[in-house]
Amino acid sequence: MPDQPSGDTSFNFEHSLAKLESIAGRLESGELSLEESMQAFEEGIKLTRQAQKALAAAEQKVQLLVEADGEPLAEPFHEDEKDS
């Protein structure tokens, strides 16, 4: 599988996870030759690195969305108090 450029937006996280699960299943089956196992492992490593980059980018986007002027917008949770 060729490396995708870092600016490529066509990376599909869910598809990559499914492909990783397939690779893991093939490796666990024990039916692959050593060469096939090494190729599958290499492909899995590439997919894992791409997925990690995608997750890091998503985390950065979330941080930007929940911050205002560099400060988190978190507010304490208080249950509604009824005045008696």
C-alpha atoms as a PDB file:
ATOM      1  CA  MET A   1       0.000   0.000   0.000  1.00  0.00           C
ATOM      2  CA  PRO A   2       1.572   3.316  -1.008  1.00  0.00           C
ATOM      3  CA  ASP A   3       2.063   6.026   1.559  1.00  0.00           C
ATOM      4  CA  GLN A   4      -0.455   8.823   1.339  1.00  0.00           C
ATOM      5  CA  PRO A   5       0.803  12.398   1.449  1.00  0.00           C
ATOM      6  CA  SER A   6       0.320  14.035   4.834  1.00  0.00           C
ATOM      7  CA  GLY A   7      -2.106  16.568   3.296  1.00  0.00           C
ATOM      8  CA  ASP A   8      -4.260  13.879   1.665  1.00  0.00           C
ATOM      9  CA  THR A   9      -7.826  14.110   2.932  1.00  0.00           C
ATOM     10  CA  SER A  10      -8.985  10.824   1.383  1.00  0.00           C
ATOM     11  CA  PHE A  11      -7.897   8.748   4.396  1.00  0.00           C
ATOM     12  CA  ASN A  12     -10.858   6.748   5.646  1.00  0.00           C
ATOM     13  CA  PHE A  13     -10.391   5.873   9.317  1.00  0.00           C
ATOM     14  CA  GLU A  14     -13.169   3.277   9.506  1.00  0.00           C
ATOM     15  CA  HIS A  15     -11.996   1.531   6.320  1.00  0.00           C
ATOM     16  CA  SER A  16      -8.458   1.422   7.711  1.00  0.00           C
ATOM     17  CA  LEU A  17      -9.646  -0.123  10.978  1.00  0.00           C
ATOM     18  CA  ALA A  18     -11.531  -2.797   9.070  1.00  0.00           C
ATOM     19  CA  LYS A  19      -8.440  -3.485   6.989  1.00  0.00           C
ATOM     20  CA  LEU A  20      -6.301  -3.718  10.154  1.00  0.00           C
ATOM     21  CA  GLU A  21      -8.739  -6.248  11.613  1.00  0.00           C
ATOM     22  CA  SER A  22      -8.504  -8.274   8.420  1.00  0.00           C
ATOM     23  CA  ILE A  23      -4.709  -8.184   8.497  1.00  0.00           C
ATOM     24  CA  ALA A  24      -4.665  -9.240  12.145  1.00  0.00           C
ATOM     25  CA  GLY A  25      -6.974 -12.160  11.355  1.00  0.00           C
ATOM     26  CA  ARG A  26      -4.760 -13.290   8.499  1.00  0.00           C
ATOM     27  CA  LEU A  27      -1.645 -13.056  10.662  1.00  0.00           C
ATOM     28  CA  GLU A  28      -3.299 -14.936  13.537  1.00  0.00           C
ATOM     29  CA  SER A  29      -4.465 -17.715  11.213  1.00  0.00           C
ATOM     30  CA  GLY A  30      -0.888 -18.925  10.784  1.00  0.00           C
ATOM     31  CA  GLU A  31      -1.573 -19.770   7.147  1.00  0.00           C
ATOM     32  CA  LEU A  32       0.655 -17.059   5.650  1.00  0.00           C
ATOM     33  CA  SER A  33       4.225 -17.660   4.603  1.00  0.00           C
ATOM     34  CA  LEU A  34       6.946 -15.687   6.344  1.00  0.00           C
ATOM     35  CA  GLU A  35       7.180 -13.307   3.395  1.00  0.00           C
ATOM     36  CA  GLU A  36       3.398 -12.819   3.271  1.00  0.00           C
ATOM     37  CA  SER A  37       3.348 -12.286   7.027  1.00  0.00           C
ATOM     38  CA  MET A  38       6.053  -9.623   6.789  1.00  0.00           C
ATOM     39  CA  GLN A  39       4.178  -7.832   3.979  1.00  0.00           C
ATOM     40  CA  ALA A  40       0.930  -7.927   5.940  1.00  0.00           C
ATOM     41  CA  PHE A  41       2.698  -6.702   9.076  1.00  0.00           C
ATOM     42  CA  GLU A  42       4.288  -3.827   7.137  1.00  0.00           C
ATOM     43  CA  GLU A  43       0.909  -2.841   5.704  1.00  0.00           C
ATOM     44  CA  GLY A  44      -0.580  -2.954   9.214  1.00  0.00           C
ATOM     45  CA  ILE A  45       2.144  -0.696  10.562  1.00  0.00           C
ATOM     46  CA  LYS A  46       1.535   1.838   7.780  1.00  0.00           C
ATOM     47  CA  LEU A  47      -2.212   1.807   8.427  1.00  0.00           C
ATOM     48  CA  THR A  48      -1.625   2.194  12.166  1.00  0.00           C
ATOM     49  CA  ARG A  49       0.634   5.211  11.647  1.00  0.00           C
ATOM     50  CA  GLN A  50      -1.883   6.840   9.298  1.00  0.00           C
ATOM     51  CA  ALA A  51      -4.673   6.217  11.800  1.00  0.00           C
ATOM     52  CA  GLN A  52      -2.584   7.724  14.615  1.00  0.00           C
ATOM     53  CA  LYS A  53      -1.981  10.835  12.494  1.00  0.00           C
ATOM     54  CA  ALA A  54      -5.690  11.107  11.720  1.00  0.00           C
ATOM     55  CA  LEU A  55      -6.574  10.793  15.411  1.00  0.00           C
ATOM     56  CA  ALA A  56      -3.998  13.433  16.371  1.00  0.00           C
ATOM     57  CA  ALA A  57      -5.407  15.811  13.736  1.00  0.00           C
ATOM     58  CA  ALA A  58      -8.953  15.183  14.959  1.00  0.00           C
ATOM     59  CA  GLU A  59      -7.874  15.832  18.541  1.00  0.00           C
ATOM     60  CA  GLN A  60      -6.311  19.146  17.510  1.00  0.00           C
ATOM     61  CA  LYS A  61      -9.506  20.167  15.717  1.00  0.00           C
ATOM     62  CA  VAL A  62     -11.581  19.326  18.793  1.00  0.00           C
ATOM     63  CA  GLN A  63      -9.237  21.361  20.989  1.00  0.00           C
ATOM     64  CA  LEU A  64      -9.606  24.355  18.677  1.00  0.00           C
ATOM     65  CA  LEU A  65     -13.376  24.039  18.747  1.00  0.00           C
ATOM     66  CA  VAL A  66     -13.657  23.889  22.545  1.00  0.00           C
ATOM     67  CA  GLU A  67     -11.214  26.666  23.328  1.00  0.00           C
ATOM     68  CA  ALA A  68     -11.836  30.389  23.299  1.00  0.00           C
ATOM     69  CA  ASP A  69      -8.861  32.740  23.386  1.00  0.00           C
ATOM     70  CA  GLY A  70      -6.621  29.815  24.286  1.00  0.00           C
ATOM     71  CA  GLU A  71      -8.681  28.902  27.347  1.00  0.00           C
ATOM     72  CA  PRO A  72     -10.913  25.832  27.638  1.00  0.00           C
ATOM     73  CA  LEU A  73     -14.645  26.529  27.625  1.00  0.00           C
ATOM     74  CA  ALA A  74     -15.350  23.905  30.248  1.00  0.00           C
ATOM     75  CA  GLU A  75     -17.996  24.865  32.752  1.00  0.00           C
ATOM     76  CA  PRO A  76     -18.718  23.096  36.031  1.00  0.00           C
ATOM     77  CA  PHE A  77     -21.768  20.883  36.038  1.00  0.00           C
ATOM     78  CA  HIS A  78     -24.419  21.881  38.565  1.00  0.00           C
ATOM     79  CA  GLU A  79     -27.762  20.223  38.942  1.00  0.00           C
ATOM     80  CA  ASP A  80     -30.659  22.628  38.969  1.00  0.00           C
ATOM     81  CA  GLU A  81     -31.281  23.672  42.540  1.00  0.00           C
ATOM     82  CA  LYS A  82     -34.856  24.359  43.485  1.00  0.00           C
ATOM     83  CA  ASP A  83     -35.487  27.316  45.745  1.00  0.00           C
ATOM     84  CA  SER A  84     -37.669  26.233  48.666  1.00  0.00           C
END
